[in-house]
Amino acid sequence: MPDTPFLLTAMRNSKDGDLNRELAGCGKSVWNGPQSCDEYPFASTFEGGIGAQTMGVPVAEQRTQFRDLGKFMSTNRMKRGDQFLVAVTNVRREHGIYIAG
């Protein structure tokens, strides 16, 4: 993936999201890290899956992000194929990955 996308496309299908999570390396059958596996682009988007950036994060952080993204999609009545822009703040890029703080 040449650059991390910030314009994402909602899938709104949990089976596709589960497959994307597996393809990214965060699925239950492949992740064995000590923390919760987080991926970007999100598994719930068409841009997620193979090539997604993954990293272990605290479970509470993962749950908050999952809840916030779901609430955003519901509040904005996102449908399959709807696009949204992700604005990233307070991050730096090191060795090709984005680091918070």
C-alpha atoms as a PDB file:
ATOM      1  CA  MET A   1       0.000   0.000   0.000  1.00  0.00           C
ATOM      2  CA  PRO A   2       1.804   3.138  -1.165  1.00  0.00           C
ATOM      3  CA  ASP A   3       0.223   5.461   1.386  1.00  0.00           C
ATOM      4  CA  THR A   4      -2.337   5.116   4.150  1.00  0.00           C
ATOM      5  CA  PRO A   5      -5.768   6.146   2.847  1.00  0.00           C
ATOM      6  CA  PHE A   6      -7.798   8.734   4.691  1.00  0.00           C
ATOM      7  CA  LEU A   7     -10.883   8.550   2.464  1.00  0.00           C
ATOM      8  CA  LEU A   8     -12.565   5.282   3.452  1.00  0.00           C
ATOM      9  CA  THR A   9     -15.618   3.444   2.128  1.00  0.00           C
ATOM     10  CA  ALA A  10     -18.096   1.807   4.519  1.00  0.00           C
ATOM     11  CA  MET A  11     -18.944  -1.868   3.962  1.00  0.00           C
ATOM     12  CA  ARG A  12     -21.719  -2.257   6.548  1.00  0.00           C
ATOM     13  CA  ASN A  13     -21.454  -6.044   6.472  1.00  0.00           C
ATOM     14  CA  SER A  14     -20.050  -7.870   9.498  1.00  0.00           C
ATOM     15  CA  LYS A  15     -19.050 -11.001   7.519  1.00  0.00           C
ATOM     16  CA  ASP A  16     -16.938  -8.895   5.139  1.00  0.00           C
ATOM     17  CA  GLY A  17     -15.450  -7.098   8.143  1.00  0.00           C
ATOM     18  CA  ASP A  18     -14.537 -10.419   9.758  1.00  0.00           C
ATOM     19  CA  LEU A  19     -12.831 -11.527   6.525  1.00  0.00           C
ATOM     20  CA  ASN A  20     -10.923  -8.225   6.290  1.00  0.00           C
ATOM     21  CA  ARG A  21      -9.814  -8.647   9.910  1.00  0.00           C
ATOM     22  CA  GLU A  22      -8.451 -12.130   9.095  1.00  0.00           C
ATOM     23  CA  LEU A  23      -6.707 -10.883   5.936  1.00  0.00           C
ATOM     24  CA  ALA A  24      -5.082  -8.047   7.886  1.00  0.00           C
ATOM     25  CA  GLY A  25      -3.748 -10.492  10.481  1.00  0.00           C
ATOM     26  CA  CYS A  26      -6.109  -9.453  13.297  1.00  0.00           C
ATOM     27  CA  GLY A  27      -8.568 -12.334  13.099  1.00  0.00           C
ATOM     28  CA  LYS A  28      -9.111 -14.792  15.931  1.00  0.00           C
ATOM     29  CA  SER A  29      -7.342 -17.530  13.975  1.00  0.00           C
ATOM     30  CA  VAL A  30      -4.153 -15.515  13.379  1.00  0.00           C
ATOM     31  CA  TRP A  31      -3.654 -12.894  16.112  1.00  0.00           C
ATOM     32  CA  ASN A  32      -1.687 -14.134  19.100  1.00  0.00           C
ATOM     33  CA  GLY A  33      -0.440 -10.875  20.555  1.00  0.00           C
ATOM     34  CA  PRO A  34      -0.771 -10.005  24.234  1.00  0.00           C
ATOM     35  CA  GLN A  35      -3.129  -7.116  23.524  1.00  0.00           C
ATOM     36  CA  SER A  36      -6.091  -6.532  21.225  1.00  0.00           C
ATOM     37  CA  CYS A  37      -5.215  -6.298  17.539  1.00  0.00           C
ATOM     38  CA  ASP A  38      -6.149  -3.000  15.902  1.00  0.00           C
ATOM     39  CA  GLU A  39      -5.984  -2.387  12.169  1.00  0.00           C
ATOM     40  CA  TYR A  40      -6.070   0.582   9.845  1.00  0.00           C
ATOM     41  CA  PRO A  41      -7.682   0.987   7.432  1.00  0.00           C
ATOM     42  CA  PHE A  42     -10.583  -0.338   9.504  1.00  0.00           C
ATOM     43  CA  ALA A  43     -11.766  -3.876   8.751  1.00  0.00           C
ATOM     44  CA  SER A  44     -15.281  -2.468   8.337  1.00  0.00           C
ATOM     45  CA  THR A  45     -14.201  -0.565   5.211  1.00  0.00           C
ATOM     46  CA  PHE A  46     -13.451  -1.686   1.663  1.00  0.00           C
ATOM     47  CA  GLU A  47      -9.899  -0.366   2.111  1.00  0.00           C
ATOM     48  CA  GLY A  48      -9.259  -2.696   5.068  1.00  0.00           C
ATOM     49  CA  GLY A  49      -7.882  -6.230   4.811  1.00  0.00           C
ATOM     50  CA  ILE A  50      -4.676  -7.175   3.032  1.00  0.00           C
ATOM     51  CA  GLY A  51      -2.041  -4.493   3.528  1.00  0.00           C
ATOM     52  CA  ALA A  52      -3.668  -2.914   6.583  1.00  0.00           C
ATOM     53  CA  GLN A  53      -1.340  -1.660   9.301  1.00  0.00           C
ATOM     54  CA  THR A  54      -1.811  -3.625  12.530  1.00  0.00           C
ATOM     55  CA  MET A  55      -0.618  -3.237  16.076  1.00  0.00           C
ATOM     56  CA  GLY A  56      -1.490  -4.419  19.549  1.00  0.00           C
ATOM     57  CA  VAL A  57      -3.416  -1.928  21.654  1.00  0.00           C
ATOM     58  CA  PRO A  58      -5.025  -2.113  25.112  1.00  0.00           C
ATOM     59  CA  VAL A  59      -8.436  -3.834  24.988  1.00  0.00           C
ATOM     60  CA  ALA A  60     -10.154  -0.740  26.449  1.00  0.00           C
ATOM     61  CA  GLU A  61      -8.734   1.408  23.629  1.00  0.00           C
ATOM     62  CA  GLN A  62      -9.915  -1.099  21.018  1.00  0.00           C
ATOM     63  CA  ARG A  63     -13.427  -1.201  22.488  1.00  0.00           C
ATOM     64  CA  THR A  64     -13.638   2.608  22.564  1.00  0.00           C
ATOM     65  CA  GLN A  65     -12.548   2.904  18.939  1.00  0.00           C
ATOM     66  CA  PHE A  66     -14.986   0.168  17.864  1.00  0.00           C
ATOM     67  CA  ARG A  67     -17.853   1.862  19.723  1.00  0.00           C
ATOM     68  CA  ASP A  68     -16.984   5.326  18.380  1.00  0.00           C
ATOM     69  CA  LEU A  69     -16.726   4.150  14.767  1.00  0.00           C
ATOM     70  CA  GLY A  70     -20.023   2.261  15.029  1.00  0.00           C
ATOM     71  CA  LYS A  71     -21.718   5.295  16.576  1.00  0.00           C
ATOM     72  CA  PHE A  72     -20.328   7.537  13.829  1.00  0.00           C
ATOM     73  CA  MET A  73     -21.664   5.231  11.124  1.00  0.00           C
ATOM     74  CA  SER A  74     -25.083   4.925  12.777  1.00  0.00           C
ATOM     75  CA  THR A  75     -25.455   8.638  13.563  1.00  0.00           C
ATOM     76  CA  ASN A  76     -24.549   9.561   9.992  1.00  0.00           C
ATOM     77  CA  ARG A  77     -26.737   6.790   8.532  1.00  0.00           C
ATOM     78  CA  MET A  78     -23.794   5.378   6.602  1.00  0.00           C
ATOM     79  CA  LYS A  79     -24.739   2.817   3.980  1.00  0.00           C
ATOM     80  CA  ARG A  80     -22.606   0.355   2.041  1.00  0.00           C
ATOM     81  CA  GLY A  81     -20.461   2.380  -0.343  1.00  0.00           C
ATOM     82  CA  ASP A  82     -20.722   5.681   1.545  1.00  0.00           C
ATOM     83  CA  GLN A  83     -17.374   7.376   1.961  1.00  0.00           C
ATOM     84  CA  PHE A  84     -15.987   9.288   4.925  1.00  0.00           C
ATOM     85  CA  LEU A  85     -12.799  11.198   5.577  1.00  0.00           C
ATOM     86  CA  VAL A  86     -10.549  10.282   8.492  1.00  0.00           C
ATOM     87  CA  ALA A  87      -8.686  13.261   9.962  1.00  0.00           C
ATOM     88  CA  VAL A  88      -5.658  12.167  11.985  1.00  0.00           C
ATOM     89  CA  THR A  89      -4.245  14.473  14.642  1.00  0.00           C
ATOM     90  CA  ASN A  90      -1.393  14.237  17.140  1.00  0.00           C
ATOM     91  CA  VAL A  91       0.577  11.514  15.333  1.00  0.00           C
ATOM     92  CA  ARG A  92       4.022  11.111  13.862  1.00  0.00           C
ATOM     93  CA  ARG A  93       5.293   8.664  11.275  1.00  0.00           C
ATOM     94  CA  GLU A  94       8.214   6.404  12.201  1.00  0.00           C
ATOM     95  CA  HIS A  95       9.611   3.674   9.985  1.00  0.00           C
ATOM     96  CA  GLY A  96       6.521   3.767   7.777  1.00  0.00           C
ATOM     97  CA  ILE A  97       3.906   3.503  10.548  1.00  0.00           C
ATOM     98  CA  TYR A  98       1.887   6.113  12.395  1.00  0.00           C
ATOM     99  CA  ILE A  99       2.474   6.524  16.131  1.00  0.00           C
ATOM    100  CA  ALA A 100       0.113   8.431  18.443  1.00  0.00           C
ATOM    101  CA  GLY A 101       1.481  11.204  20.638  1.00  0.00           C
END
